[in-house]
All heavy atoms as atom14 arrays in JSON, in Angstrom:
{
  "sequence": "LPEGIEPTKDPSQLVASVTHPSVPADVEAALEAEEAARVATVEAHA",
  "atom14_mask": [
    [1, 1, 1, 1, 1, 1, 1, 1, 0, 0, 0, 0, 0, 0],
    [1, 1, 1, 1, 1, 1, 1, 0, 0, 0, 0, 0, 0, 0],
    [1, 1, 1, 1, 1, 1, 1, 1, 1, 0, 0, 0, 0, 0],
    [1, 1, 1, 1, 0, 0, 0, 0, 0, 0, 0, 0, 0, 0],
    [1, 1, 1, 1, 1, 1, 1, 1, 0, 0, 0, 0, 0, 0],
    [1, 1, 1, 1, 1, 1, 1, 1, 1, 0, 0, 0, 0, 0],
    [1, 1, 1, 1, 1, 1, 1, 0, 0, 0, 0, 0, 0, 0],
    [1, 1, 1, 1, 1, 1, 1, 0, 0, 0, 0, 0, 0, 0],
    [1, 1, 1, 1, 1, 1, 1, 1, 1, 0, 0, 0, 0, 0],
    [1, 1, 1, 1, 1, 1, 1, 1, 0, 0, 0, 0, 0, 0],
    [1, 1, 1, 1, 1, 1, 1, 0, 0, 0, 0, 0, 0, 0],
    [1, 1, 1, 1, 1, 1, 0, 0, 0, 0, 0, 0, 0, 0],
    [1, 1, 1, 1, 1, 1, 1, 1, 1, 0, 0, 0, 0, 0],
    [1, 1, 1, 1, 1, 1, 1, 1, 0, 0, 0, 0, 0, 0],
    [1, 1, 1, 1, 1, 1, 1, 0, 0, 0, 0, 0, 0, 0],
    [1, 1, 1, 1, 1, 0, 0, 0, 0, 0, 0, 0, 0, 0],
    [1, 1, 1, 1, 1, 1, 0, 0, 0, 0, 0, 0, 0, 0],
    [1, 1, 1, 1, 1, 1, 1, 0, 0, 0, 0, 0, 0, 0],
    [1, 1, 1, 1, 1, 1, 1, 0, 0, 0, 0, 0, 0, 0],
    [1, 1, 1, 1, 1, 1, 1, 1, 1, 1, 0, 0, 0, 0],
    [1, 1, 1, 1, 1, 1, 1, 0, 0, 0, 0, 0, 0, 0],
    [1, 1, 1, 1, 1, 1, 0, 0, 0, 0, 0, 0, 0, 0],
    [1, 1, 1, 1, 1, 1, 1, 0, 0, 0, 0, 0, 0, 0],
    [1, 1, 1, 1, 1, 1, 1, 0, 0, 0, 0, 0, 0, 0],
    [1, 1, 1, 1, 1, 0, 0, 0, 0, 0, 0, 0, 0, 0],
    [1, 1, 1, 1, 1, 1, 1, 1, 0, 0, 0, 0, 0, 0],
    [1, 1, 1, 1, 1, 1, 1, 0, 0, 0, 0, 0, 0, 0],
    [1, 1, 1, 1, 1, 1, 1, 1, 1, 0, 0, 0, 0, 0],
    [1, 1, 1, 1, 1, 0, 0, 0, 0, 0, 0, 0, 0, 0],
    [1, 1, 1, 1, 1, 0, 0, 0, 0, 0, 0, 0, 0, 0],
    [1, 1, 1, 1, 1, 1, 1, 1, 0, 0, 0, 0, 0, 0],
    [1, 1, 1, 1, 1, 1, 1, 1, 1, 0, 0, 0, 0, 0],
    [1, 1, 1, 1, 1, 0, 0, 0, 0, 0, 0, 0, 0, 0],
    [1, 1, 1, 1, 1, 1, 1, 1, 1, 0, 0, 0, 0, 0],
    [1, 1, 1, 1, 1, 1, 1, 1, 1, 0, 0, 0, 0, 0],
    [1, 1, 1, 1, 1, 0, 0, 0, 0, 0, 0, 0, 0, 0],
    [1, 1, 1, 1, 1, 0, 0, 0, 0, 0, 0, 0, 0, 0],
    [1, 1, 1, 1, 1, 1, 1, 1, 1, 1, 1, 0, 0, 0],
    [1, 1, 1, 1, 1, 1, 1, 0, 0, 0, 0, 0, 0, 0],
    [1, 1, 1, 1, 1, 0, 0, 0, 0, 0, 0, 0, 0, 0],
    [1, 1, 1, 1, 1, 1, 1, 0, 0, 0, 0, 0, 0, 0],
    [1, 1, 1, 1, 1, 1, 1, 0, 0, 0, 0, 0, 0, 0],
    [1, 1, 1, 1, 1, 1, 1, 1, 1, 0, 0, 0, 0, 0],
    [1, 1, 1, 1, 1, 0, 0, 0, 0, 0, 0, 0, 0, 0],
    [1, 1, 1, 1, 1, 1, 1, 1, 1, 1, 0, 0, 0, 0],
    [1, 1, 1, 1, 1, 0, 0, 0, 0, 0, 0, 0, 0, 0]
  ],
  "atom14_positions": [
    [[0.8, -1.22, -0.01], [0.05, 0.02, -0.01], [0.86, 1.26, -0.05], [1.92, 1.25, 0.63], [-0.91, -0.02, 1.25], [-1.88, -1.18, 1.32], [-2.7, -1.06, 2.65], [-2.82, -1.18, 0.11], [0.0, 0.0, 0.0], [0.0, 0.0, 0.0], [0.0, 0.0, 0.0], [0.0, 0.0, 0.0], [0.0, 0.0, 0.0], [0.0, 0.0, 0.0]],
    [[0.41, 2.29, -0.73], [1.2, 3.59, -0.67], [1.22, 4.13, 0.71], [0.39, 3.8, 1.6], [0.35, 4.45, -1.65], [-0.45, 3.54, -2.48], [-0.72, 2.36, -1.63], [0.0, 0.0, 0.0], [0.0, 0.0, 0.0], [0.0, 0.0, 0.0], [0.0, 0.0, 0.0], [0.0, 0.0, 0.0], [0.0, 0.0, 0.0], [0.0, 0.0, 0.0]],
    [[2.19, 5.01, 0.96], [2.36, 5.65, 2.25], [1.06, 6.4, 2.71], [0.51, 7.08, 1.86], [3.56, 6.6, 2.18], [3.88, 7.25, 3.56], [5.08, 8.17, 3.51], [5.66, 8.27, 2.4], [5.32, 8.8, 4.55], [0.0, 0.0, 0.0], [0.0, 0.0, 0.0], [0.0, 0.0, 0.0], [0.0, 0.0, 0.0], [0.0, 0.0, 0.0]],
    [[0.73, 6.2, 3.95], [-0.42, 6.91, 4.44], [-1.75, 6.24, 4.23], [-2.79, 6.7, 4.68], [0.0, 0.0, 0.0], [0.0, 0.0, 0.0], [0.0, 0.0, 0.0], [0.0, 0.0, 0.0], [0.0, 0.0, 0.0], [0.0, 0.0, 0.0], [0.0, 0.0, 0.0], [0.0, 0.0, 0.0], [0.0, 0.0, 0.0], [0.0, 0.0, 0.0]],
    [[-1.81, 5.06, 3.55], [-2.98, 4.37, 3.27], [-3.21, 3.26, 4.29], [-2.36, 2.35, 4.44], [-2.97, 3.77, 1.8], [-2.64, 4.85, 0.8], [-4.33, 3.07, 1.55], [-3.64, 5.96, 0.75], [0.0, 0.0, 0.0], [0.0, 0.0, 0.0], [0.0, 0.0, 0.0], [0.0, 0.0, 0.0], [0.0, 0.0, 0.0], [0.0, 0.0, 0.0]],
    [[-4.3, 3.32, 4.99], [-4.59, 2.33, 6.03], [-5.9, 1.55, 5.66], [-6.96, 2.21, 5.55], [-4.78, 2.96, 7.4], [-3.5, 3.68, 7.86], [-3.76, 4.4, 9.14], [-4.89, 4.29, 9.72], [-2.82, 5.07, 9.65], [0.0, 0.0, 0.0], [0.0, 0.0, 0.0], [0.0, 0.0, 0.0], [0.0, 0.0, 0.0], [0.0, 0.0, 0.0]],
    [[-5.86, 0.24, 5.48], [-7.09, -0.51, 5.23], [-7.98, -0.53, 6.42], [-7.52, -0.54, 7.56], [-6.59, -1.9, 4.84], [-5.27, -2.03, 5.55], [-4.68, -0.61, 5.53], [0.0, 0.0, 0.0], [0.0, 0.0, 0.0], [0.0, 0.0, 0.0], [0.0, 0.0, 0.0], [0.0, 0.0, 0.0], [0.0, 0.0, 0.0], [0.0, 0.0, 0.0]],
    [[-9.32, -0.58, 6.21], [-10.27, -0.58, 7.27], [-10.65, -2.01, 7.7], [-11.23, -2.26, 8.72], [-11.49, 0.23, 6.93], [-12.19, -0.44, 5.83], [-11.2, 1.64, 6.54], [0.0, 0.0, 0.0], [0.0, 0.0, 0.0], [0.0, 0.0, 0.0], [0.0, 0.0, 0.0], [0.0, 0.0, 0.0], [0.0, 0.0, 0.0], [0.0, 0.0, 0.0]],
    [[-10.33, -3.04, 6.77], [-10.77, -4.36, 7.02], [-9.69, -5.2, 7.75], [-8.56, -4.74, 7.91], [-11.16, -5.05, 5.67], [-12.18, -4.3, 4.86], [-13.52, -4.25, 5.55], [-14.62, -3.56, 4.68], [-15.9, -3.45, 5.35], [0.0, 0.0, 0.0], [0.0, 0.0, 0.0], [0.0, 0.0, 0.0], [0.0, 0.0, 0.0], [0.0, 0.0, 0.0]],
    [[-10.09, -6.35, 8.17], [-9.14, -7.3, 8.81], [-7.98, -7.58, 7.86], [-8.26, -8.0, 6.7], [-9.9, -8.64, 9.14], [-9.06, -9.6, 9.89], [-7.85, -9.47, 9.93], [-9.6, -10.51, 10.47], [0.0, 0.0, 0.0], [0.0, 0.0, 0.0], [0.0, 0.0, 0.0], [0.0, 0.0, 0.0], [0.0, 0.0, 0.0], [0.0, 0.0, 0.0]],
    [[-6.77, -7.4, 8.3], [-5.6, -7.63, 7.45], [-5.52, -9.03, 6.84], [-4.88, -9.24, 5.79], [-4.36, -7.3, 8.31], [-4.89, -6.46, 9.39], [-6.32, -6.87, 9.59], [0.0, 0.0, 0.0], [0.0, 0.0, 0.0], [0.0, 0.0, 0.0], [0.0, 0.0, 0.0], [0.0, 0.0, 0.0], [0.0, 0.0, 0.0], [0.0, 0.0, 0.0]],
    [[-6.18, -10.02, 7.56], [-6.08, -11.39, 7.05], [-7.16, -11.71, 6.02], [-7.2, -12.83, 5.46], [-6.27, -12.36, 8.25], [-7.53, -12.23, 8.81], [0.0, 0.0, 0.0], [0.0, 0.0, 0.0], [0.0, 0.0, 0.0], [0.0, 0.0, 0.0], [0.0, 0.0, 0.0], [0.0, 0.0, 0.0], [0.0, 0.0, 0.0], [0.0, 0.0, 0.0]],
    [[-7.97, -10.72, 5.68], [-9.06, -10.96, 4.74], [-8.49, -11.27, 3.33], [-7.55, -10.63, 2.87], [-10.02, -9.75, 4.68], [-11.26, -10.01, 3.91], [-12.32, -8.98, 4.15], [-12.31, -8.26, 5.14], [-13.27, -8.79, 3.21], [0.0, 0.0, 0.0], [0.0, 0.0, 0.0], [0.0, 0.0, 0.0], [0.0, 0.0, 0.0], [0.0, 0.0, 0.0]],
    [[-9.1, -12.22, 2.64], [-8.62, -12.71, 1.35], [-8.9, -11.72, 0.21], [-10.0, -11.23, 0.14], [-9.28, -14.06, 1.06], [-8.73, -14.84, -0.16], [-7.27, -15.26, 0.11], [-9.58, -16.06, -0.41], [0.0, 0.0, 0.0], [0.0, 0.0, 0.0], [0.0, 0.0, 0.0], [0.0, 0.0, 0.0], [0.0, 0.0, 0.0], [0.0, 0.0, 0.0]],
    [[-7.87, -11.41, -0.51], [-7.98, -10.55, -1.7], [-8.12, -11.42, -3.0], [-8.97, -11.13, -3.86], [-6.78, -9.62, -1.81], [-6.82, -8.82, -3.08], [-6.72, -8.69, -0.62], [0.0, 0.0, 0.0], [0.0, 0.0, 0.0], [0.0, 0.0, 0.0], [0.0, 0.0, 0.0], [0.0, 0.0, 0.0], [0.0, 0.0, 0.0], [0.0, 0.0, 0.0]],
    [[-7.26, -12.41, -3.12], [-7.25, -13.31, -4.32], [-6.53, -14.57, -3.96], [-5.77, -14.62, -3.03], [-6.65, -12.56, -5.5], [0.0, 0.0, 0.0], [0.0, 0.0, 0.0], [0.0, 0.0, 0.0], [0.0, 0.0, 0.0], [0.0, 0.0, 0.0], [0.0, 0.0, 0.0], [0.0, 0.0, 0.0], [0.0, 0.0, 0.0], [0.0, 0.0, 0.0]],
    [[-6.74, -15.57, -4.8], [-6.02, -16.86, -4.65], [-5.76, -17.39, -6.06], [-6.38, -16.99, -7.06], [-6.84, -17.84, -3.84], [-8.06, -18.12, -4.48], [0.0, 0.0, 0.0], [0.0, 0.0, 0.0], [0.0, 0.0, 0.0], [0.0, 0.0, 0.0], [0.0, 0.0, 0.0], [0.0, 0.0, 0.0], [0.0, 0.0, 0.0], [0.0, 0.0, 0.0]],
    [[-4.73, -18.3, -6.14], [-4.33, -18.82, -7.35], [-4.58, -20.38, -7.3], [-4.09, -21.03, -6.34], [-2.88, -18.53, -7.71], [-2.42, -19.23, -8.99], [-2.7, -17.02, -7.87], [0.0, 0.0, 0.0], [0.0, 0.0, 0.0], [0.0, 0.0, 0.0], [0.0, 0.0, 0.0], [0.0, 0.0, 0.0], [0.0, 0.0, 0.0], [0.0, 0.0, 0.0]],
    [[-5.19, -20.94, -8.31], [-5.46, -22.36, -8.29], [-5.22, -22.94, -9.68], [-5.02, -22.24, -10.67], [-6.95, -22.64, -7.9], [-7.78, -22.04, -8.92], [-7.3, -22.0, -6.56], [0.0, 0.0, 0.0], [0.0, 0.0, 0.0], [0.0, 0.0, 0.0], [0.0, 0.0, 0.0], [0.0, 0.0, 0.0], [0.0, 0.0, 0.0], [0.0, 0.0, 0.0]],
    [[-5.26, -24.29, -9.72], [-5.3, -24.96, -11.0], [-6.75, -24.87, -11.57], [-7.65, -24.78, -10.75], [-4.88, -26.44, -10.89], [-3.4, -26.69, -10.52], [-2.47, -26.39, -11.43], [-2.85, -27.05, -9.35], [-1.25, -26.66, -10.89], [-1.47, -27.02, -9.64], [0.0, 0.0, 0.0], [0.0, 0.0, 0.0], [0.0, 0.0, 0.0], [0.0, 0.0, 0.0]],
    [[-6.92, -24.89, -12.85], [-8.21, -24.82, -13.45], [-9.0, -26.03, -13.04], [-8.48, -27.15, -12.91], [-7.96, -24.76, -14.97], [-6.61, -25.28, -15.14], [-5.85, -24.94, -13.93], [0.0, 0.0, 0.0], [0.0, 0.0, 0.0], [0.0, 0.0, 0.0], [0.0, 0.0, 0.0], [0.0, 0.0, 0.0], [0.0, 0.0, 0.0], [0.0, 0.0, 0.0]],
    [[-10.31, -25.83, -12.75], [-11.15, -26.93, -12.34], [-12.25, -27.11, -13.37], [-12.64, -26.1, -14.03], [-11.79, -26.68, -10.95], [-12.53, -25.48, -11.0], [0.0, 0.0, 0.0], [0.0, 0.0, 0.0], [0.0, 0.0, 0.0], [0.0, 0.0, 0.0], [0.0, 0.0, 0.0], [0.0, 0.0, 0.0], [0.0, 0.0, 0.0], [0.0, 0.0, 0.0]],
    [[-12.71, -28.36, -13.53], [-13.81, -28.6, -14.46], [-15.11, -28.69, -13.7], [-15.22, -29.38, -12.75], [-13.54, -29.98, -15.2], [-14.65, -30.23, -16.17], [-12.2, -29.94, -15.9], [0.0, 0.0, 0.0], [0.0, 0.0, 0.0], [0.0, 0.0, 0.0], [0.0, 0.0, 0.0], [0.0, 0.0, 0.0], [0.0, 0.0, 0.0], [0.0, 0.0, 0.0]],
    [[-16.1, -27.9, -14.12], [-17.41, -27.99, -13.48], [-17.94, -29.4, -13.38], [-17.7, -30.21, -14.25], [-18.31, -27.09, -14.34], [-17.35, -26.21, -15.12], [-16.13, -26.98, -15.3], [0.0, 0.0, 0.0], [0.0, 0.0, 0.0], [0.0, 0.0, 0.0], [0.0, 0.0, 0.0], [0.0, 0.0, 0.0], [0.0, 0.0, 0.0], [0.0, 0.0, 0.0]],
    [[-18.69, -29.7, -12.3], [-19.15, -31.01, -12.03], [-19.99, -31.61, -13.19], [-19.83, -32.78, -13.58], [-19.99, -31.03, -10.75], [0.0, 0.0, 0.0], [0.0, 0.0, 0.0], [0.0, 0.0, 0.0], [0.0, 0.0, 0.0], [0.0, 0.0, 0.0], [0.0, 0.0, 0.0], [0.0, 0.0, 0.0], [0.0, 0.0, 0.0], [0.0, 0.0, 0.0]],
    [[-20.91, -30.76, -13.81], [-21.68, -31.31, -14.92], [-20.87, -31.62, -16.12], [-21.12, -32.57, -16.83], [-22.77, -30.29, -15.19], [-22.26, -28.93, -15.57], [-21.11, -28.63, -15.18], [-22.98, -28.16, -16.21], [0.0, 0.0, 0.0], [0.0, 0.0, 0.0], [0.0, 0.0, 0.0], [0.0, 0.0, 0.0], [0.0, 0.0, 0.0], [0.0, 0.0, 0.0]],
    [[-19.86, -30.77, -16.38], [-18.95, -31.02, -17.52], [-18.16, -32.29, -17.31], [-17.97, -33.12, -18.16], [-18.03, -29.83, -17.78], [-17.06, -30.13, -18.9], [-18.86, -28.57, -18.13], [0.0, 0.0, 0.0], [0.0, 0.0, 0.0], [0.0, 0.0, 0.0], [0.0, 0.0, 0.0], [0.0, 0.0, 0.0], [0.0, 0.0, 0.0], [0.0, 0.0, 0.0]],
    [[-17.62, -32.41, -16.06], [-16.83, -33.58, -15.7], [-17.67, -34.91, -15.88], [-17.21, -35.87, -16.4], [-16.31, -33.47, -14.28], [-15.29, -34.58, -13.89], [-14.65, -34.33, -12.55], [-15.02, -33.3, -11.9], [-13.81, -35.06, -12.15], [0.0, 0.0, 0.0], [0.0, 0.0, 0.0], [0.0, 0.0, 0.0], [0.0, 0.0, 0.0], [0.0, 0.0, 0.0]],
    [[-18.94, -34.79, -15.4], [-19.79, -35.95, -15.52], [-20.01, -36.31, -16.93], [-20.08, -37.51, -17.32], [-21.13, -35.73, -14.8], [0.0, 0.0, 0.0], [0.0, 0.0, 0.0], [0.0, 0.0, 0.0], [0.0, 0.0, 0.0], [0.0, 0.0, 0.0], [0.0, 0.0, 0.0], [0.0, 0.0, 0.0], [0.0, 0.0, 0.0], [0.0, 0.0, 0.0]],
    [[-20.22, -35.29, -17.83], [-20.49, -35.5, -19.22], [-19.26, -36.15, -19.87], [-19.37, -37.08, -20.71], [-20.85, -34.23, -19.91], [0.0, 0.0, 0.0], [0.0, 0.0, 0.0], [0.0, 0.0, 0.0], [0.0, 0.0, 0.0], [0.0, 0.0, 0.0], [0.0, 0.0, 0.0], [0.0, 0.0, 0.0], [0.0, 0.0, 0.0], [0.0, 0.0, 0.0]],
    [[-18.07, -35.7, -19.5], [-16.82, -36.19, -20.05], [-16.59, -37.67, -19.64], [-16.2, -38.54, -20.43], [-15.6, -35.38, -19.63], [-15.56, -33.94, -20.17], [-14.39, -33.18, -19.53], [-15.36, -34.02, -21.66], [0.0, 0.0, 0.0], [0.0, 0.0, 0.0], [0.0, 0.0, 0.0], [0.0, 0.0, 0.0], [0.0, 0.0, 0.0], [0.0, 0.0, 0.0]],
    [[-16.98, -37.98, -18.38], [-16.81, -39.34, -17.92], [-17.78, -40.24, -18.61], [-17.46, -41.39, -18.97], [-17.01, -39.41, -16.39], [-15.94, -38.75, -15.53], [-16.27, -38.74, -14.05], [-17.39, -39.18, -13.7], [-15.39, -38.34, -13.24], [0.0, 0.0, 0.0], [0.0, 0.0, 0.0], [0.0, 0.0, 0.0], [0.0, 0.0, 0.0], [0.0, 0.0, 0.0]],
    [[-19.01, -39.82, -18.88], [-19.98, -40.63, -19.52], [-19.57, -40.83, -20.98], [-19.68, -41.99, -21.53], [-21.35, -39.95, -19.5], [0.0, 0.0, 0.0], [0.0, 0.0, 0.0], [0.0, 0.0, 0.0], [0.0, 0.0, 0.0], [0.0, 0.0, 0.0], [0.0, 0.0, 0.0], [0.0, 0.0, 0.0], [0.0, 0.0, 0.0], [0.0, 0.0, 0.0]],
    [[-18.98, -39.82, -21.64], [-18.49, -39.96, -22.95], [-17.32, -40.97, -23.05], [-17.25, -41.77, -23.96], [-18.05, -38.59, -23.5], [-17.55, -38.61, -24.96], [-17.16, -37.22, -25.44], [-17.56, -36.22, -24.78], [-16.44, -37.12, -26.47], [0.0, 0.0, 0.0], [0.0, 0.0, 0.0], [0.0, 0.0, 0.0], [0.0, 0.0, 0.0], [0.0, 0.0, 0.0]],
    [[-16.42, -40.92, -22.06], [-15.32, -41.81, -22.03], [-15.8, -43.23, -21.82], [-15.32, -44.19, -22.43], [-14.34, -41.41, -20.94], [-13.13, -42.35, -20.72], [-12.2, -42.37, -21.95], [-12.31, -41.48, -22.8], [-11.36, -43.33, -22.0], [0.0, 0.0, 0.0], [0.0, 0.0, 0.0], [0.0, 0.0, 0.0], [0.0, 0.0, 0.0], [0.0, 0.0, 0.0]],
    [[-16.79, -43.39, -20.91], [-17.32, -44.74, -20.63], [-17.99, -45.32, -21.91], [-17.81, -46.5, -22.18], [-18.3, -44.72, -19.52], [0.0, 0.0, 0.0], [0.0, 0.0, 0.0], [0.0, 0.0, 0.0], [0.0, 0.0, 0.0], [0.0, 0.0, 0.0], [0.0, 0.0, 0.0], [0.0, 0.0, 0.0], [0.0, 0.0, 0.0], [0.0, 0.0, 0.0]],
    [[-18.72, -44.5, -22.61], [-19.35, -44.93, -23.87], [-18.3, -45.3, -24.89], [-18.47, -46.34, -25.58], [-20.24, -43.83, -24.38], [0.0, 0.0, 0.0], [0.0, 0.0, 0.0], [0.0, 0.0, 0.0], [0.0, 0.0, 0.0], [0.0, 0.0, 0.0], [0.0, 0.0, 0.0], [0.0, 0.0, 0.0], [0.0, 0.0, 0.0], [0.0, 0.0, 0.0]],
    [[-17.21, -44.55, -24.96], [-16.16, -44.87, -25.9], [-15.51, -46.17, -25.61], [-15.27, -47.02, -26.5], [-15.13, -43.76, -25.94], [-14.09, -43.87, -27.04], [-12.99, -42.84, -26.9], [-12.18, -43.05, -25.7], [-11.19, -43.93, -25.61], [-10.87, -44.67, -26.62], [-10.55, -44.02, -24.47], [0.0, 0.0, 0.0], [0.0, 0.0, 0.0], [0.0, 0.0, 0.0]],
    [[-15.21, -46.39, -24.32], [-14.62, -47.64, -23.88], [-15.54, -48.85, -24.14], [-15.08, -49.91, -24.67], [-14.22, -47.63, -22.36], [-13.8, -48.96, -21.9], [-13.13, -46.59, -22.16], [0.0, 0.0, 0.0], [0.0, 0.0, 0.0], [0.0, 0.0, 0.0], [0.0, 0.0, 0.0], [0.0, 0.0, 0.0], [0.0, 0.0, 0.0], [0.0, 0.0, 0.0]],
    [[-16.82, -48.66, -23.85], [-17.79, -49.75, -24.13], [-17.82, -50.06, -25.62], [-17.94, -51.24, -25.99], [-19.2, -49.3, -23.62], [0.0, 0.0, 0.0], [0.0, 0.0, 0.0], [0.0, 0.0, 0.0], [0.0, 0.0, 0.0], [0.0, 0.0, 0.0], [0.0, 0.0, 0.0], [0.0, 0.0, 0.0], [0.0, 0.0, 0.0], [0.0, 0.0, 0.0]],
    [[-17.79, -49.06, -26.46], [-17.81, -49.25, -27.91], [-16.62, -50.01, -28.4], [-16.73, -51.01, -29.21], [-17.88, -47.94, -28.67], [-19.11, -47.21, -28.27], [-17.98, -48.12, -30.17], [0.0, 0.0, 0.0], [0.0, 0.0, 0.0], [0.0, 0.0, 0.0], [0.0, 0.0, 0.0], [0.0, 0.0, 0.0], [0.0, 0.0, 0.0], [0.0, 0.0, 0.0]],
    [[-15.43, -49.62, -27.85], [-14.19, -50.33, -28.23], [-14.23, -51.77, -27.81], [-13.91, -52.69, -28.53], [-12.97, -49.63, -27.62], [-11.73, -50.42, -27.82], [-12.82, -48.19, -28.21], [0.0, 0.0, 0.0], [0.0, 0.0, 0.0], [0.0, 0.0, 0.0], [0.0, 0.0, 0.0], [0.0, 0.0, 0.0], [0.0, 0.0, 0.0], [0.0, 0.0, 0.0]],
    [[-14.67, -51.97, -26.61], [-14.82, -53.4, -26.04], [-15.8, -54.22, -26.87], [-15.53, -55.4, -27.11], [-15.22, -53.35, -24.58], [-14.14, -52.81, -23.61], [-14.59, -52.73, -22.22], [-15.8, -52.85, -21.97], [-13.71, -52.52, -21.33], [0.0, 0.0, 0.0], [0.0, 0.0, 0.0], [0.0, 0.0, 0.0], [0.0, 0.0, 0.0], [0.0, 0.0, 0.0]],
    [[-16.88, -53.59, -27.24], [-17.91, -54.36, -28.04], [-17.33, -54.69, -29.41], [-17.51, -55.86, -29.85], [-19.17, -53.47, -28.24], [0.0, 0.0, 0.0], [0.0, 0.0, 0.0], [0.0, 0.0, 0.0], [0.0, 0.0, 0.0], [0.0, 0.0, 0.0], [0.0, 0.0, 0.0], [0.0, 0.0, 0.0], [0.0, 0.0, 0.0], [0.0, 0.0, 0.0]],
    [[-16.62, -53.8, -30.04], [-16.0, -54.09, -31.29], [-14.93, -55.16, -31.15], [-14.82, -56.09, -32.03], [-15.38, -52.83, -31.89], [-16.37, -51.86, -32.44], [-16.1, -50.59, -32.73], [-17.73, -52.0, -32.62], [-17.21, -49.95, -33.14], [-18.19, -50.8, -33.07], [0.0, 0.0, 0.0], [0.0, 0.0, 0.0], [0.0, 0.0, 0.0], [0.0, 0.0, 0.0]],
    [[-14.16, -55.13, -30.04], [-13.19, -56.18, -29.81], [-13.76, -57.53, -29.63], [-13.34, -58.57, -30.15], [-12.36, -55.75, -28.59], [0.0, 0.0, 0.0], [0.0, 0.0, 0.0], [0.0, 0.0, 0.0], [0.0, 0.0, 0.0], [0.0, 0.0, 0.0], [0.0, 0.0, 0.0], [0.0, 0.0, 0.0], [0.0, 0.0, 0.0], [0.0, 0.0, 0.0]]
  ]
}
């Protein structure tokens, strides 16, 4: 902070965080279903 600037909130309050990208639950479920269908198709052909 510049000189003379005093925050009014708790100093431990979160400003931002950095994470790995996450896949939404519905998208992840759709991807898993697609992968399961692909595996089933391959096994059926085999």
